Protein backbone atom coordinates (compact mmCIF):
# COMPACT_ATOMS: atom_id res chain seq x y z
CA UNK A 1 -67.22 -12.36 -22.02
CA UNK A 2 -69.96 -9.37 -22.50
CA UNK A 3 -69.36 -8.09 -19.13
CA UNK A 4 -66.00 -7.77 -19.40
CA UNK A 5 -66.14 -6.21 -22.87
CA UNK A 6 -68.88 -3.41 -21.28
CA UNK A 7 -65.98 -2.78 -17.99
CA UNK A 8 -63.19 -2.18 -20.74
CA UNK A 9 -65.38 0.02 -22.32
CA UNK A 10 -66.41 1.41 -19.28
CA UNK A 11 -63.24 2.24 -18.48
CA UNK A 12 -62.45 3.58 -21.79
CA UNK A 13 -65.04 6.56 -21.98
CA UNK A 14 -64.23 7.50 -18.54
CA UNK A 15 -60.45 8.41 -19.52
CA UNK A 16 -61.23 9.81 -22.74
CA UNK A 17 -63.58 12.08 -20.55
CA UNK A 18 -60.79 13.21 -17.91
CA UNK A 19 -58.33 13.56 -20.71
CA UNK A 20 -60.95 16.13 -23.43
CA UNK A 21 -62.43 17.82 -20.61
CA UNK A 22 -58.65 18.38 -18.20
CA UNK A 23 -57.21 21.20 -20.03
CA UNK A 24 -60.34 23.47 -19.78
CA UNK A 25 -60.37 22.89 -16.23
CA UNK A 26 -57.17 23.22 -15.32
CA UNK A 27 -57.46 26.70 -17.11
CA UNK A 28 -60.93 27.12 -14.97
CA UNK A 29 -58.29 26.90 -11.91
CA UNK A 30 -55.97 28.86 -13.31
CA UNK A 31 -58.42 31.14 -13.51
CA UNK A 32 -59.68 31.64 -10.32
CA UNK A 33 -56.07 31.22 -9.04
CA UNK A 34 -57.09 27.90 -7.01
CA UNK A 35 -53.53 27.17 -7.10
CA UNK A 36 -51.79 25.04 -3.92
CA UNK A 37 -50.02 26.94 -1.21
CA UNK A 38 -47.18 24.46 0.30
CA UNK A 39 -45.31 24.34 3.98
CA UNK A 40 -41.69 23.75 2.56
CA UNK A 41 -40.02 23.26 6.40
CA UNK A 42 -37.69 21.46 5.50
CA UNK A 43 -38.86 19.43 2.26
CA UNK A 44 -36.60 18.87 -0.53
CA UNK A 45 -36.15 22.23 -2.48
CA UNK A 46 -37.86 20.65 -5.30
CA UNK A 47 -41.04 21.31 -3.59
CA UNK A 48 -40.64 24.69 -4.27
CA UNK A 49 -41.89 24.48 -7.64
CA UNK A 50 -44.77 23.10 -6.83
CA UNK A 51 -46.37 26.12 -5.24
CA UNK A 52 -49.00 27.45 -7.01
CA UNK A 53 -49.98 24.65 -9.06
CA UNK A 54 -53.75 24.05 -9.52
CA UNK A 55 -55.36 22.30 -6.72
CA UNK A 56 -58.36 20.36 -6.20
CA UNK A 57 -57.83 18.43 -9.83
CA UNK A 58 -59.79 15.82 -7.88
CA UNK A 59 -63.25 16.81 -9.71
CA UNK A 60 -61.15 16.09 -13.22
CA UNK A 61 -62.01 12.55 -12.16
CA UNK A 62 -65.10 13.24 -9.89
CA UNK A 63 -67.25 14.26 -12.71
CA UNK A 64 -66.75 11.71 -15.32
CA UNK A 65 -67.00 8.65 -12.67
CA UNK A 66 -69.94 10.66 -11.51
CA UNK A 67 -72.12 11.72 -14.69
CA UNK A 68 -70.52 7.87 -16.74
CA UNK A 69 -72.39 6.51 -13.29
CA UNK A 70 -75.69 8.53 -13.09
CA UNK A 71 -76.40 8.20 -16.89
CA UNK A 72 -75.54 4.14 -17.39
CA UNK A 73 -77.58 3.77 -14.40
CA UNK A 74 -80.47 5.03 -15.98
CA UNK A 75 -80.17 3.43 -19.44
CA UNK A 76 -80.10 -0.24 -20.74
CA UNK A 77 -77.45 -1.12 -23.18
CA UNK A 78 -77.94 -4.38 -25.28
CA UNK A 79 -80.83 -5.32 -22.67
CA UNK A 80 -78.35 -5.26 -20.25
CA UNK A 81 -78.15 -2.87 -17.38
CA UNK A 82 -74.34 -1.76 -17.04
CA UNK A 83 -74.70 -0.07 -13.41
CA UNK A 84 -76.85 -1.02 -10.50
CA UNK A 85 -78.31 1.33 -7.54
CA UNK A 86 -76.43 -0.23 -5.42
CA UNK A 87 -73.24 1.85 -7.06
CA UNK A 88 -74.50 4.65 -5.43
CA UNK A 89 -73.51 3.94 -2.51
CA UNK A 90 -69.78 4.40 -3.34
CA UNK A 91 -70.09 7.19 -5.14
CA UNK A 92 -72.39 9.38 -2.43
CA UNK A 93 -69.43 8.19 -0.05
CA UNK A 94 -67.09 9.10 -3.37
CA UNK A 95 -68.98 13.38 -3.02
CA UNK A 96 -69.02 12.81 0.85
CA UNK A 97 -65.33 13.13 1.20
CA UNK A 98 -64.98 15.08 -1.67
CA UNK A 99 -66.91 17.96 -0.41
CA UNK A 100 -64.74 17.36 3.08
CA UNK A 101 -61.19 17.36 0.40
CA UNK A 102 -62.86 20.74 -1.38
CA UNK A 103 -63.66 22.96 2.23
CA UNK A 104 -60.14 22.00 3.62
CA UNK A 105 -58.15 22.48 -0.18
CA UNK A 106 -60.51 26.06 -0.01
CA UNK A 107 -59.28 26.37 3.28
CA UNK A 108 -55.70 26.40 2.19
CA UNK A 109 -56.34 28.21 -0.59
CA UNK A 110 -58.60 31.55 0.42
CA UNK A 111 -59.89 30.31 4.21
CA UNK A 112 -58.17 32.06 8.12
CA UNK A 113 -55.89 28.86 8.40
CA UNK A 114 -54.62 30.21 5.26
CA UNK A 115 -51.33 27.63 4.01
CA UNK A 116 -52.88 24.92 6.51
CA UNK A 117 -56.78 23.60 5.81
CA UNK A 118 -59.26 22.49 7.71
CA UNK A 119 -58.34 21.73 11.74
CA UNK A 120 -57.58 18.43 11.24
CA UNK A 121 -60.35 17.69 14.62
CA UNK A 122 -63.04 18.71 12.38
CA UNK A 123 -62.30 17.35 9.57
CA UNK A 124 -61.87 13.95 11.18
CA UNK A 125 -65.38 14.39 13.18
CA UNK A 126 -66.63 15.19 9.42
CA UNK A 127 -65.29 12.45 7.93
CA UNK A 128 -66.49 9.71 11.10
CA UNK A 129 -69.95 10.75 10.47
CA UNK A 130 -70.06 10.63 6.39
CA UNK A 131 -68.47 6.89 7.39
CA UNK A 132 -70.90 5.91 9.86
CA UNK A 133 -73.67 6.92 7.49
CA UNK A 134 -72.03 4.68 4.99
CA UNK A 135 -71.54 1.82 6.86
CA UNK A 136 -75.08 1.70 8.03
CA UNK A 137 -76.08 2.10 4.39
CA UNK A 138 -73.94 -0.94 3.52
CA UNK A 139 -75.14 -3.39 6.18
CA UNK A 140 -78.98 -2.47 6.96
CA UNK A 141 -79.62 -1.20 3.40
CA UNK A 142 -77.36 -3.36 1.10
CA UNK A 143 -76.38 -6.19 3.09
CA UNK A 144 -72.93 -6.74 1.31
CA UNK A 145 -71.04 -9.39 3.07
CA UNK A 146 -69.53 -8.55 6.30
CA UNK A 147 -66.25 -10.35 5.89
CA UNK A 148 -65.09 -13.05 3.29
CA UNK A 149 -63.36 -15.72 5.92
CA UNK A 150 -59.53 -16.17 4.30
CA UNK A 151 -58.96 -19.66 3.35
CA UNK A 152 -62.38 -21.04 3.62
CA UNK A 153 -63.75 -18.47 1.39
CA UNK A 154 -67.09 -18.85 4.29
CA UNK A 155 -69.51 -15.85 4.35
CA UNK A 156 -69.07 -14.70 8.33
CA UNK A 157 -71.56 -12.33 9.94
CA UNK A 158 -69.89 -9.95 12.51
CA UNK A 159 -73.29 -8.32 13.77
CA UNK A 160 -73.90 -4.35 14.59
CA UNK A 161 -69.78 -3.92 15.25
CA UNK A 162 -69.51 -4.58 11.40
CA UNK A 163 -70.84 -0.40 11.40
CA UNK A 164 -67.98 0.62 13.57
CA UNK A 165 -65.33 -1.48 11.45
CA UNK A 166 -66.94 -0.52 8.63
CA UNK A 167 -66.31 2.90 9.30
CA UNK A 168 -62.99 3.03 11.40
CA UNK A 169 -62.00 1.11 7.39
CA UNK A 170 -62.92 4.05 5.91
CA UNK A 171 -61.36 6.81 7.60
CA UNK A 172 -58.34 5.37 7.63
CA UNK A 173 -57.94 4.93 4.33
CA UNK A 174 -59.47 8.23 2.81
CA UNK A 175 -56.39 9.55 5.18
CA UNK A 176 -53.87 6.85 4.04
CA UNK A 177 -54.47 7.85 0.75
CA UNK A 178 -54.52 11.40 1.79
CA UNK A 179 -51.09 10.77 2.96
CA UNK A 180 -49.91 9.19 -0.33
CA UNK A 181 -51.10 12.50 -2.42
CA UNK A 182 -47.49 14.06 -1.70
CA UNK A 183 -45.63 13.03 -5.32
CA UNK A 184 -47.01 13.70 -8.64
CA UNK A 185 -48.75 11.13 -9.66
CA UNK A 186 -47.77 9.11 -6.87
CA UNK A 187 -51.32 8.93 -5.58
CA UNK A 188 -52.96 8.62 -8.47
CA UNK A 189 -51.48 5.91 -9.88
CA UNK A 190 -51.53 3.70 -6.35
CA UNK A 191 -55.35 3.96 -6.15
CA UNK A 192 -55.41 3.57 -9.96
CA UNK A 193 -53.74 0.11 -9.02
CA UNK A 194 -55.44 -1.28 -6.24
CA UNK A 195 -59.16 -0.56 -8.00
CA UNK A 196 -58.56 -1.92 -11.13
CA UNK A 197 -57.96 -5.54 -8.56
CA UNK A 198 -60.41 -4.61 -6.60
CA UNK A 199 -62.64 -4.54 -10.41
CA UNK A 200 -61.15 -7.85 -11.09
CA UNK A 201 -62.13 -9.31 -7.50
CA UNK A 202 -65.83 -8.08 -7.60
CA UNK A 203 -65.79 -9.56 -11.34
CA UNK A 204 -65.16 -12.82 -10.50
CA UNK A 205 -67.56 -12.98 -7.57
CA UNK A 206 -70.03 -11.96 -10.28
CA UNK A 207 -70.35 -9.00 -8.93
CA UNK A 208 -71.53 -7.19 -11.89
CA UNK A 209 -71.93 -3.40 -11.88
CA UNK A 210 -69.12 -2.70 -8.59
CA UNK A 211 -67.03 -4.08 -10.76
CA UNK A 212 -67.56 -1.52 -13.88
CA UNK A 213 -68.13 1.34 -11.46
CA UNK A 214 -64.45 0.19 -9.46
CA UNK A 215 -63.30 -0.05 -13.93
CA UNK A 216 -65.03 3.66 -14.50
CA UNK A 217 -62.68 4.99 -11.55
CA UNK A 218 -59.67 2.98 -13.28
CA UNK A 219 -60.51 5.11 -16.50
CA UNK A 220 -61.06 8.43 -14.71
CA UNK A 221 -58.01 8.22 -12.88
CA UNK A 222 -55.47 7.15 -16.45
CA UNK A 223 -57.04 10.42 -18.18
CA UNK A 224 -56.20 11.98 -14.34
CA UNK A 225 -52.45 11.26 -14.70
CA UNK A 226 -52.77 12.66 -18.29
CA UNK A 227 -51.92 15.56 -16.47
CA UNK A 228 -50.11 14.76 -12.92
CA UNK A 229 -47.26 12.94 -13.90
CA UNK A 230 -44.24 14.67 -13.38
CA UNK A 231 -43.87 18.01 -13.63
CA UNK A 232 -47.82 17.75 -12.85
CA UNK A 233 -50.75 20.56 -14.39
CA UNK A 234 -52.81 19.92 -11.64
CA UNK A 235 -52.78 18.19 -8.11
CA UNK A 236 -56.40 16.69 -6.89
CA UNK A 237 -55.82 17.67 -3.44
CA UNK A 238 -57.87 16.78 -0.63
CA UNK A 239 -60.88 16.44 -2.65
CA UNK A 240 -59.29 13.75 -4.45
CA UNK A 241 -57.49 11.98 -2.27
CA UNK A 242 -59.66 11.46 0.44
CA UNK A 243 -62.64 10.77 -1.79
CA UNK A 244 -60.35 7.85 -3.53
CA UNK A 245 -59.31 6.45 -0.20
CA UNK A 246 -62.66 6.04 1.19
CA UNK A 247 -64.75 4.92 -1.91
CA UNK A 248 -62.36 2.34 -1.81
CA UNK A 249 -62.65 1.45 0.89
CA UNK A 250 -66.37 0.91 -0.20
CA UNK A 251 -65.33 -0.82 -2.21
CA UNK A 252 -63.66 -3.83 -0.72
CA UNK A 253 -66.70 -3.88 2.03
CA UNK A 254 -68.91 -4.40 -0.41
CA UNK A 255 -66.41 -7.98 -2.13
CA UNK A 256 -66.36 -8.60 2.05
CA UNK A 257 -62.62 -8.90 1.31
CA UNK A 258 -61.98 -6.22 3.01
CA UNK A 259 -59.29 -8.78 4.84
CA UNK A 260 -56.61 -8.09 2.09
CA UNK A 261 -57.42 -4.02 1.74
CA UNK A 262 -53.44 -3.28 3.37
CA UNK A 263 -51.72 -5.30 0.95
CA UNK A 264 -53.79 -4.57 -2.34
CA UNK A 265 -53.42 -0.80 -1.52
CA UNK A 266 -49.75 -1.27 0.91
CA UNK A 267 -48.31 1.63 -0.35
CA UNK A 268 -51.21 4.08 1.25
CA UNK A 269 -51.20 1.49 4.79
CA UNK A 270 -47.41 2.20 4.46
CA UNK A 271 -47.74 5.81 4.62
CA UNK A 272 -50.10 6.16 6.87
CA UNK A 273 -48.12 3.55 9.54
CA UNK A 274 -45.12 5.86 9.30
CA UNK A 275 -46.96 8.63 10.71
CA UNK A 276 -48.29 6.71 12.88
CA UNK A 277 -45.09 5.41 14.30
CA UNK A 278 -43.11 8.68 13.92
CA UNK A 279 -45.85 10.42 16.17
CA UNK A 280 -45.34 8.12 18.94
CA UNK A 281 -41.77 7.52 18.33
CA UNK A 282 -41.91 11.71 18.37
CA UNK A 283 -43.77 11.52 21.97
CA UNK A 284 -42.30 8.84 23.88
CA UNK A 285 -38.98 10.00 23.04
CA UNK A 286 -39.02 13.51 23.40
CA UNK A 287 -38.18 14.50 20.10
CA UNK A 288 -36.41 12.00 18.02
CA UNK A 289 -37.39 9.98 14.82
CA UNK A 290 -37.76 7.19 12.95
CA UNK A 291 -37.73 8.72 9.41
CA UNK A 292 -36.43 12.00 8.50
CA UNK A 293 -39.74 12.86 7.43
CA UNK A 294 -43.61 11.60 6.93
CA UNK A 295 -44.91 10.37 5.61
CA UNK A 296 -42.61 8.15 4.23
CA UNK A 297 -41.98 8.97 0.34
CA UNK A 298 -40.96 12.01 2.02
CA UNK A 299 -38.42 10.47 3.45
CA UNK A 300 -36.78 9.08 1.02
CA UNK A 301 -37.19 12.38 -1.26
CA UNK A 302 -34.67 13.60 2.22
CA UNK A 303 -32.01 10.54 1.52
CA UNK A 304 -31.64 11.71 -1.92
CA UNK A 305 -34.05 9.41 -4.44
CA UNK A 306 -35.78 11.30 -7.43
CA UNK A 307 -39.45 12.27 -7.57
CA UNK A 308 -39.90 9.79 -10.51
CA UNK A 309 -37.86 6.87 -9.18
CA UNK A 310 -40.19 6.65 -5.64
CA UNK A 311 -43.25 6.68 -7.83
CA UNK A 312 -41.81 4.10 -9.60
CA UNK A 313 -40.92 1.95 -7.24
CA UNK A 314 -43.44 2.77 -4.65
CA UNK A 315 -45.76 1.57 -8.14
CA UNK A 316 -43.76 -1.67 -8.20
CA UNK A 317 -44.12 -2.64 -4.34
CA UNK A 318 -48.11 -1.91 -4.87
CA UNK A 319 -48.44 -4.12 -8.01
CA UNK A 320 -46.64 -6.76 -6.11
CA UNK A 321 -48.91 -6.46 -2.98
CA UNK A 322 -52.18 -5.92 -4.69
CA UNK A 323 -51.32 -9.36 -6.94
CA UNK A 324 -50.59 -11.40 -3.97
CA UNK A 325 -53.61 -9.94 -2.30
CA UNK A 326 -55.70 -10.76 -5.18
CA UNK A 327 -54.35 -14.39 -5.34
CA UNK A 328 -55.42 -14.51 -1.99
CA UNK A 329 -59.35 -13.33 -2.80
CA UNK A 330 -59.19 -16.79 -4.58
CA UNK A 331 -58.14 -18.63 -1.62
CA UNK A 332 -60.96 -21.14 -0.47
């Protein structure tokens, strides 16, 4: 009961911190003219309204999460530590990918690739480097459970290939959440739900510090969504989406329940698969397409769905997938 109370308190504090400094942060972004440049192409005309909306909004939740994690990691609350040192690994991952995303966002605003951002190849190389470092720390320093096998619930050891598998999962989910970030409120709501589920998983497995970290992210994202729902006052950008995706992957790896990540994060997984399917089919058929446009939320925009419809329906699918994934972690 005490652990649950502290987790809720941490989440509430993170929410308040994000909301309180939201307006000053948005004014700061506007002052610096950090506005998103959107390549409209054949997107619906509604996306023209998003042009020059302040981006790099991921810092709105990154800073409260970091502040709370560092402060609560160094103090004692009623005789019980609120965070453990192991939380510094997902926090480090969060900032590693946030920096990559911030460079990408800045390049898209002010750099020579204005409107495009960082080269895809350079971005991928940087992501792989950071992911390999984090994967090594997970296995060799934290000694996390490498995989919890379904049905039996047994903790299995994969060996050195675990580092490659973990790095792949981190990079894949970083890009999956990045693909999801294209409609007001979508990536934030999906990520909030997935982190909440893994917070419950961590709590039931006795990983109290990890659970509190997850609920800290949930609270901070709630504060961010206060300003990000349609019409969004700011966009999280790659700064936030890459950081959230990579950190979600690390959290799943720390619980050992990463085999259910594609289900618990079913919408980011679907968004990423839609892009892969579209590219492969386009190349194989020399120009034909499966979807009108990818990531897949743009396909539904193209067939007439309103943004709020897409966000709500995608979130309902995410919630169902996350609930099923959560229930599967209890089997064994």
